[in-house]
Amino acid sequence: MSDKSKLYMVAGYELRRATPGDMAALVAMYESFEPKGAALGLPPRANPERWLADVSAFPNFVVSCEGRFVGHGLVCPEGDAAEVAVFVHQSQRSRGLGKWLLSALVDEARSLGLRRIWGTTDLENVPMLRLAHSLGFITGADPEVFTLELPVAVPTA
């Protein structure tokens, strides 16, 4: 997903990179997002604008349907690793959007040359844990943390 203008469309849904102009629509999605605060405090119950401004420096992706955002994902790099986060509005869950977003985040991490990505969720968030495992993430000593090691690309001659 290194082409910043690239759009992906499937069955009425569009996945693309977020832009600074998307802030109001993302805030609107999070204002009606449930369960609020269930994912270890994210998205924040109050003032999602502040959190979104804080994470805007990182690669962010959005999924829209019929002109409104229904999904958001981000990659937060630090060194050769990054934390990933995926949020799908409750009105659109169980449609494969989380997998679509997380796959885009994995692709982005690879394009950034990262070696490892990880995410955190409550143990009660079984759908997220299943999704992560379906894409090759594994859990370790802390069962709330899922990790994916990314192979280093070998240059071709």
Foldseek 3Di string as FASTA:
>chain_A
DPPQADWDDDDQKIKHWDDPVCLVLVVVLVQQAPPQCQFVCPPPNPDSSVVCVVQVVWTKMFMDGPPGTFKIKTWADDPQETEIDIGGGPVDPPPCVRLVRVVVNVVVSVVVQHFKYKYFGDPVPVVVVVSLVVVPWDADPDNRMTMDTDDGDDDDD
